[in-house]
N, C-alpha and C. Protein backbone atom coordinates (compact mmCIF):
# COMPACT_ATOMS: atom_id res chain seq x y z
N MET A 1 5.29 -1.20 13.15
CA MET A 1 5.22 -1.22 11.70
C MET A 1 4.78 0.17 11.24
N LYS A 2 5.38 0.62 10.18
CA LYS A 2 5.04 1.92 9.59
C LYS A 2 4.30 1.66 8.27
N CYS A 3 3.10 2.25 8.15
CA CYS A 3 2.23 1.95 7.00
C CYS A 3 1.75 3.24 6.34
N LEU A 4 1.71 3.21 5.00
CA LEU A 4 1.13 4.29 4.21
C LEU A 4 -0.14 3.76 3.54
N ILE A 5 -1.25 4.43 3.81
CA ILE A 5 -2.55 4.04 3.24
C ILE A 5 -2.87 5.04 2.14
N VAL A 6 -3.07 4.53 0.92
CA VAL A 6 -3.28 5.41 -0.24
C VAL A 6 -4.62 5.09 -0.89
N ASP A 7 -5.51 6.06 -0.86
CA ASP A 7 -6.83 5.91 -1.49
C ASP A 7 -7.39 7.30 -1.69
N ASP A 8 -8.08 7.52 -2.79
CA ASP A 8 -8.68 8.83 -3.03
C ASP A 8 -9.94 9.03 -2.20
N GLU A 9 -10.45 7.97 -1.59
CA GLU A 9 -11.64 8.07 -0.74
C GLU A 9 -11.21 8.13 0.72
N ILE A 10 -11.49 9.26 1.37
CA ILE A 10 -11.05 9.44 2.76
C ILE A 10 -11.67 8.40 3.69
N PHE A 11 -12.92 8.01 3.44
CA PHE A 11 -13.56 7.01 4.29
C PHE A 11 -12.76 5.71 4.30
N CYS A 12 -12.31 5.29 3.14
CA CYS A 12 -11.53 4.05 3.04
C CYS A 12 -10.21 4.19 3.80
N ARG A 13 -9.53 5.31 3.63
CA ARG A 13 -8.26 5.54 4.34
C ARG A 13 -8.48 5.50 5.84
N GLU A 14 -9.49 6.19 6.32
CA GLU A 14 -9.76 6.24 7.76
C GLU A 14 -10.16 4.86 8.30
N PHE A 15 -10.93 4.11 7.52
CA PHE A 15 -11.34 2.78 7.93
C PHE A 15 -10.13 1.86 8.11
N VAL A 16 -9.25 1.86 7.13
CA VAL A 16 -8.05 1.01 7.20
C VAL A 16 -7.15 1.47 8.35
N ALA A 17 -7.00 2.77 8.52
CA ALA A 17 -6.18 3.28 9.62
C ALA A 17 -6.74 2.85 10.98
N THR A 18 -8.06 2.86 11.11
CA THR A 18 -8.70 2.41 12.35
C THR A 18 -8.43 0.93 12.59
N LEU A 19 -8.52 0.12 11.54
CA LEU A 19 -8.25 -1.31 11.68
C LEU A 19 -6.81 -1.57 12.15
N LEU A 20 -5.88 -0.74 11.69
CA LEU A 20 -4.46 -0.97 11.96
C LEU A 20 -3.91 -0.21 13.16
N LYS A 21 -4.75 0.57 13.83
CA LYS A 21 -4.25 1.49 14.86
C LYS A 21 -3.45 0.81 15.97
N ASP A 22 -3.73 -0.44 16.28
CA ASP A 22 -3.02 -1.12 17.37
C ASP A 22 -1.71 -1.76 16.93
N ILE A 23 -1.49 -1.88 15.63
CA ILE A 23 -0.26 -2.55 15.18
C ILE A 23 0.60 -1.70 14.25
N ALA A 24 0.11 -0.53 13.87
CA ALA A 24 0.88 0.26 12.89
C ALA A 24 0.78 1.75 13.15
N GLU A 25 1.85 2.41 12.79
CA GLU A 25 1.88 3.87 12.73
C GLU A 25 1.48 4.20 11.30
N CYS A 26 0.28 4.72 11.13
CA CYS A 26 -0.26 4.93 9.78
C CYS A 26 -0.19 6.38 9.34
N ARG A 27 0.19 6.56 8.10
CA ARG A 27 0.13 7.84 7.41
C ARG A 27 -0.82 7.63 6.23
N GLN A 28 -1.35 8.73 5.70
CA GLN A 28 -2.32 8.61 4.62
C GLN A 28 -1.95 9.53 3.46
N ALA A 29 -2.34 9.09 2.27
CA ALA A 29 -2.20 9.90 1.06
C ALA A 29 -3.49 9.75 0.26
N GLY A 30 -3.96 10.88 -0.27
CA GLY A 30 -5.22 10.88 -1.02
C GLY A 30 -5.05 10.80 -2.52
N SER A 31 -3.79 10.69 -2.98
CA SER A 31 -3.56 10.58 -4.42
C SER A 31 -2.26 9.82 -4.66
N GLY A 32 -2.08 9.38 -5.89
CA GLY A 32 -0.87 8.67 -6.24
C GLY A 32 0.36 9.55 -6.14
N LYS A 33 0.26 10.78 -6.60
CA LYS A 33 1.40 11.70 -6.54
C LYS A 33 1.79 11.98 -5.09
N GLU A 34 0.81 12.16 -4.23
CA GLU A 34 1.08 12.38 -2.81
C GLU A 34 1.74 11.15 -2.20
N ALA A 35 1.30 9.98 -2.61
CA ALA A 35 1.89 8.74 -2.09
C ALA A 35 3.36 8.61 -2.45
N VAL A 36 3.69 8.90 -3.71
CA VAL A 36 5.09 8.83 -4.15
C VAL A 36 5.93 9.84 -3.38
N ALA A 37 5.39 11.04 -3.17
CA ALA A 37 6.11 12.06 -2.41
C ALA A 37 6.34 11.62 -0.97
N LYS A 38 5.32 11.06 -0.33
CA LYS A 38 5.47 10.61 1.06
C LYS A 38 6.42 9.42 1.15
N TYR A 39 6.36 8.52 0.19
CA TYR A 39 7.27 7.39 0.18
C TYR A 39 8.71 7.88 0.03
N THR A 40 8.94 8.80 -0.90
CA THR A 40 10.28 9.35 -1.14
C THR A 40 10.80 10.05 0.12
N GLU A 41 9.96 10.84 0.74
CA GLU A 41 10.34 11.55 1.96
C GLU A 41 10.74 10.57 3.07
N ALA A 42 9.96 9.51 3.26
CA ALA A 42 10.27 8.52 4.29
C ALA A 42 11.58 7.80 3.98
N LEU A 43 11.80 7.49 2.72
CA LEU A 43 13.03 6.82 2.29
C LEU A 43 14.24 7.72 2.56
N GLU A 44 14.11 8.97 2.19
CA GLU A 44 15.22 9.92 2.38
C GLU A 44 15.50 10.21 3.84
N SER A 45 14.49 10.11 4.70
CA SER A 45 14.68 10.38 6.12
C SER A 45 15.25 9.17 6.86
N GLY A 46 15.40 8.05 6.16
CA GLY A 46 15.93 6.85 6.80
C GLY A 46 14.90 6.09 7.62
N SER A 47 13.63 6.42 7.42
CA SER A 47 12.54 5.75 8.14
C SER A 47 11.48 5.29 7.13
N PRO A 48 11.84 4.31 6.29
CA PRO A 48 10.91 3.89 5.23
C PRO A 48 9.69 3.15 5.76
N TYR A 49 8.70 3.07 4.92
CA TYR A 49 7.49 2.33 5.26
C TYR A 49 7.75 0.83 5.18
N ASP A 50 7.08 0.08 6.04
CA ASP A 50 7.12 -1.38 5.99
C ASP A 50 6.03 -1.91 5.06
N LEU A 51 4.93 -1.15 4.97
CA LEU A 51 3.75 -1.59 4.23
C LEU A 51 3.08 -0.40 3.56
N ILE A 52 2.63 -0.62 2.33
CA ILE A 52 1.79 0.36 1.64
C ILE A 52 0.52 -0.36 1.23
N ILE A 53 -0.61 0.20 1.63
CA ILE A 53 -1.92 -0.31 1.22
C ILE A 53 -2.41 0.67 0.17
N LEU A 54 -2.54 0.18 -1.06
CA LEU A 54 -2.64 1.05 -2.23
C LEU A 54 -3.86 0.73 -3.09
N ASP A 55 -4.76 1.70 -3.20
CA ASP A 55 -5.93 1.55 -4.07
C ASP A 55 -5.48 1.55 -5.53
N ILE A 56 -6.09 0.72 -6.34
CA ILE A 56 -5.71 0.64 -7.75
C ILE A 56 -6.29 1.80 -8.55
N MET A 57 -7.57 2.09 -8.33
CA MET A 57 -8.24 3.10 -9.17
C MET A 57 -8.27 4.46 -8.47
N MET A 58 -7.40 5.35 -8.95
CA MET A 58 -7.36 6.71 -8.43
C MET A 58 -7.31 7.66 -9.62
N PRO A 59 -7.78 8.90 -9.45
CA PRO A 59 -7.90 9.79 -10.59
C PRO A 59 -6.57 10.30 -11.19
N ASP A 60 -5.56 10.53 -10.39
CA ASP A 60 -4.35 11.15 -10.94
C ASP A 60 -3.32 10.14 -11.43
N MET A 61 -3.18 9.06 -10.74
CA MET A 61 -2.21 8.01 -11.05
C MET A 61 -2.82 6.70 -10.58
N SER A 62 -2.77 5.67 -11.37
CA SER A 62 -3.32 4.39 -10.91
C SER A 62 -2.40 3.81 -9.84
N GLY A 63 -2.95 2.93 -9.03
CA GLY A 63 -2.14 2.25 -8.04
C GLY A 63 -1.01 1.46 -8.67
N HIS A 64 -1.26 0.90 -9.86
CA HIS A 64 -0.21 0.17 -10.57
C HIS A 64 0.96 1.09 -10.90
N ASP A 65 0.64 2.31 -11.37
CA ASP A 65 1.69 3.27 -11.71
C ASP A 65 2.45 3.73 -10.47
N VAL A 66 1.73 3.92 -9.37
CA VAL A 66 2.38 4.30 -8.12
C VAL A 66 3.36 3.21 -7.68
N ALA A 67 2.90 1.97 -7.72
CA ALA A 67 3.76 0.85 -7.30
C ALA A 67 4.99 0.74 -8.19
N LYS A 68 4.82 0.93 -9.49
CA LYS A 68 5.97 0.88 -10.41
C LYS A 68 6.97 1.98 -10.08
N GLU A 69 6.46 3.18 -9.79
CA GLU A 69 7.35 4.29 -9.46
C GLU A 69 8.10 4.02 -8.14
N ILE A 70 7.41 3.45 -7.18
CA ILE A 70 8.04 3.11 -5.91
C ILE A 70 9.12 2.05 -6.12
N ARG A 71 8.83 1.04 -6.92
CA ARG A 71 9.84 0.00 -7.21
C ARG A 71 11.05 0.59 -7.93
N ALA A 72 10.82 1.55 -8.82
CA ALA A 72 11.94 2.20 -9.52
C ALA A 72 12.79 3.01 -8.54
N LEU A 73 12.14 3.70 -7.60
CA LEU A 73 12.88 4.45 -6.58
C LEU A 73 13.71 3.52 -5.71
N GLU A 74 13.13 2.38 -5.34
CA GLU A 74 13.87 1.41 -4.52
C GLU A 74 15.11 0.91 -5.26
N LYS A 75 14.94 0.62 -6.52
CA LYS A 75 16.06 0.12 -7.33
C LYS A 75 17.14 1.19 -7.46
N GLU A 76 16.71 2.41 -7.77
CA GLU A 76 17.64 3.52 -7.95
C GLU A 76 18.44 3.81 -6.68
N ARG A 77 17.77 3.71 -5.52
CA ARG A 77 18.42 4.05 -4.25
C ARG A 77 18.90 2.83 -3.47
N LYS A 78 18.80 1.66 -4.13
CA LYS A 78 19.23 0.40 -3.50
C LYS A 78 18.58 0.21 -2.14
N ALA A 79 17.29 0.49 -2.08
CA ALA A 79 16.51 0.36 -0.85
C ALA A 79 15.81 -0.98 -0.81
N GLY A 80 15.49 -1.43 0.38
CA GLY A 80 14.74 -2.68 0.54
C GLY A 80 13.34 -2.53 -0.02
N GLY A 81 12.72 -3.63 -0.33
CA GLY A 81 11.39 -3.60 -0.94
C GLY A 81 10.28 -3.51 0.08
N VAL A 82 9.50 -2.44 0.00
CA VAL A 82 8.34 -2.28 0.85
C VAL A 82 7.28 -3.28 0.39
N LYS A 83 6.52 -3.82 1.31
CA LYS A 83 5.41 -4.71 0.98
C LYS A 83 4.24 -3.85 0.53
N ILE A 84 3.63 -4.23 -0.59
CA ILE A 84 2.49 -3.48 -1.12
C ILE A 84 1.28 -4.41 -1.20
N ILE A 85 0.18 -3.95 -0.62
CA ILE A 85 -1.11 -4.64 -0.75
C ILE A 85 -1.98 -3.74 -1.61
N MET A 86 -2.41 -4.26 -2.75
CA MET A 86 -3.28 -3.50 -3.65
C MET A 86 -4.73 -3.71 -3.23
N LEU A 87 -5.51 -2.63 -3.28
CA LEU A 87 -6.95 -2.67 -3.00
C LEU A 87 -7.71 -2.29 -4.25
N THR A 88 -8.82 -2.97 -4.48
CA THR A 88 -9.66 -2.60 -5.61
C THR A 88 -11.11 -2.96 -5.33
N ALA A 89 -11.99 -2.25 -6.00
CA ALA A 89 -13.41 -2.57 -5.94
C ALA A 89 -13.74 -3.62 -7.00
N LEU A 90 -12.83 -3.85 -7.93
CA LEU A 90 -13.05 -4.83 -9.00
C LEU A 90 -12.46 -6.18 -8.60
N ASN A 91 -13.20 -7.22 -8.84
CA ASN A 91 -12.72 -8.56 -8.51
C ASN A 91 -12.55 -9.34 -9.81
N SER A 92 -11.46 -9.04 -10.52
CA SER A 92 -11.24 -9.73 -11.78
C SER A 92 -9.84 -10.31 -11.83
N PRO A 93 -9.66 -11.43 -12.51
CA PRO A 93 -8.33 -12.03 -12.64
C PRO A 93 -7.32 -11.09 -13.30
N THR A 94 -7.78 -10.24 -14.21
CA THR A 94 -6.87 -9.30 -14.87
C THR A 94 -6.27 -8.33 -13.86
N ASP A 95 -7.09 -7.80 -12.95
CA ASP A 95 -6.57 -6.90 -11.92
C ASP A 95 -5.54 -7.61 -11.05
N ALA A 96 -5.82 -8.83 -10.67
CA ALA A 96 -4.89 -9.58 -9.83
C ALA A 96 -3.57 -9.80 -10.55
N MET A 97 -3.62 -10.20 -11.81
CA MET A 97 -2.39 -10.45 -12.57
C MET A 97 -1.59 -9.16 -12.72
N ASP A 98 -2.27 -8.05 -13.04
CA ASP A 98 -1.58 -6.77 -13.15
C ASP A 98 -0.92 -6.39 -11.83
N SER A 99 -1.63 -6.61 -10.72
CA SER A 99 -1.10 -6.25 -9.41
C SER A 99 0.15 -7.04 -9.07
N PHE A 100 0.10 -8.34 -9.28
CA PHE A 100 1.23 -9.17 -8.89
C PHE A 100 2.43 -9.03 -9.81
N PHE A 101 2.20 -9.04 -11.10
CA PHE A 101 3.32 -9.09 -12.02
C PHE A 101 3.80 -7.73 -12.50
N ASN A 102 2.89 -6.84 -12.83
CA ASN A 102 3.30 -5.54 -13.35
C ASN A 102 3.68 -4.57 -12.23
N ALA A 103 2.91 -4.53 -11.17
CA ALA A 103 3.17 -3.57 -10.10
C ALA A 103 4.02 -4.17 -8.99
N GLN A 104 4.27 -5.46 -9.05
CA GLN A 104 5.11 -6.13 -8.08
C GLN A 104 4.57 -5.99 -6.66
N SER A 105 3.28 -6.16 -6.50
CA SER A 105 2.71 -6.11 -5.16
C SER A 105 2.80 -7.48 -4.51
N ALA A 106 2.68 -7.48 -3.19
CA ALA A 106 2.78 -8.73 -2.43
C ALA A 106 1.43 -9.39 -2.25
N ALA A 107 0.35 -8.61 -2.35
CA ALA A 107 -0.98 -9.15 -2.12
C ALA A 107 -2.02 -8.26 -2.77
N TYR A 108 -3.25 -8.76 -2.77
CA TYR A 108 -4.35 -8.14 -3.46
C TYR A 108 -5.61 -8.36 -2.64
N LEU A 109 -6.34 -7.30 -2.28
CA LEU A 109 -7.59 -7.43 -1.55
C LEU A 109 -8.70 -6.70 -2.29
N VAL A 110 -9.88 -7.29 -2.26
CA VAL A 110 -11.05 -6.69 -2.90
C VAL A 110 -11.87 -5.96 -1.84
N LYS A 111 -12.27 -4.72 -2.17
CA LYS A 111 -13.14 -3.94 -1.29
C LYS A 111 -14.55 -4.51 -1.33
N PRO A 112 -15.31 -4.44 -0.30
CA PRO A 112 -14.94 -3.92 1.01
C PRO A 112 -14.06 -4.93 1.75
N ILE A 113 -13.04 -4.43 2.40
CA ILE A 113 -12.14 -5.33 3.11
C ILE A 113 -12.65 -5.54 4.53
N SER A 114 -12.25 -6.64 5.11
CA SER A 114 -12.59 -6.93 6.50
C SER A 114 -11.32 -6.94 7.33
N LYS A 115 -11.47 -6.75 8.62
CA LYS A 115 -10.32 -6.78 9.52
C LYS A 115 -9.63 -8.13 9.44
N ASP A 116 -10.40 -9.22 9.47
CA ASP A 116 -9.81 -10.56 9.41
C ASP A 116 -9.04 -10.77 8.11
N GLY A 117 -9.63 -10.35 7.00
CA GLY A 117 -8.96 -10.50 5.71
C GLY A 117 -7.67 -9.71 5.63
N LEU A 118 -7.70 -8.47 6.11
CA LEU A 118 -6.52 -7.62 6.10
C LEU A 118 -5.43 -8.19 7.00
N PHE A 119 -5.80 -8.58 8.22
CA PHE A 119 -4.82 -9.11 9.16
C PHE A 119 -4.25 -10.44 8.69
N ASN A 120 -5.05 -11.23 8.01
CA ASN A 120 -4.57 -12.49 7.45
C ASN A 120 -3.46 -12.23 6.43
N VAL A 121 -3.69 -11.29 5.54
CA VAL A 121 -2.69 -10.95 4.52
C VAL A 121 -1.44 -10.35 5.17
N ILE A 122 -1.62 -9.46 6.11
CA ILE A 122 -0.48 -8.85 6.80
C ILE A 122 0.35 -9.91 7.50
N GLY A 123 -0.31 -10.86 8.14
CA GLY A 123 0.40 -11.95 8.81
C GLY A 123 1.19 -12.80 7.82
N LYS A 124 0.60 -13.10 6.68
CA LYS A 124 1.29 -13.90 5.65
C LYS A 124 2.51 -13.17 5.11
N LEU A 125 2.50 -11.85 5.17
CA LEU A 125 3.63 -11.05 4.70
C LEU A 125 4.72 -10.92 5.76
N GLY A 126 4.46 -11.49 6.94
CA GLY A 126 5.45 -11.43 8.01
C GLY A 126 5.46 -10.09 8.73
N LEU A 127 4.38 -9.35 8.62
CA LEU A 127 4.27 -8.05 9.28
C LEU A 127 3.28 -8.17 10.42
N GLY A 128 2.92 -7.06 11.00
CA GLY A 128 1.90 -7.06 12.03
C GLY A 128 2.45 -6.97 13.43
N ARG A 129 3.71 -6.66 13.54
CA ARG A 129 4.28 -6.45 14.87
C ARG A 129 3.62 -5.25 15.51
N LYS A 130 3.64 -5.23 16.82
CA LYS A 130 3.11 -4.05 17.53
C LYS A 130 3.94 -2.84 17.15
N LYS A 131 3.30 -1.68 17.14
CA LYS A 131 4.03 -0.45 16.77
C LYS A 131 4.95 0.00 17.88
């Protein structure tokens, strides 16, 4: 599985990458703009991501905006839909509704995340194959 981890906090990116090291080839982006660029590059190279783990609150572009831009790129290029798991420090129904309906994400996790919680969601998405 190929995964892009997007968070402005390096500790969070490294933590998630460590959790996924046995099942995913992970790349990281520290901003929304960098995430869109890396997603576009992977799409153009014919090796798209299977999963994007995307923080909602980032300084340059929100995770919701990143997800919308990725969905627009998929539509424009007739590409398959990458699974997106949104991460947030906020645990509110509004964030969940925005994530699912506006950003078209597949799942939503509240920080701090646990290995069991992350793997449970990945399994429900039909991912998690060995890399």
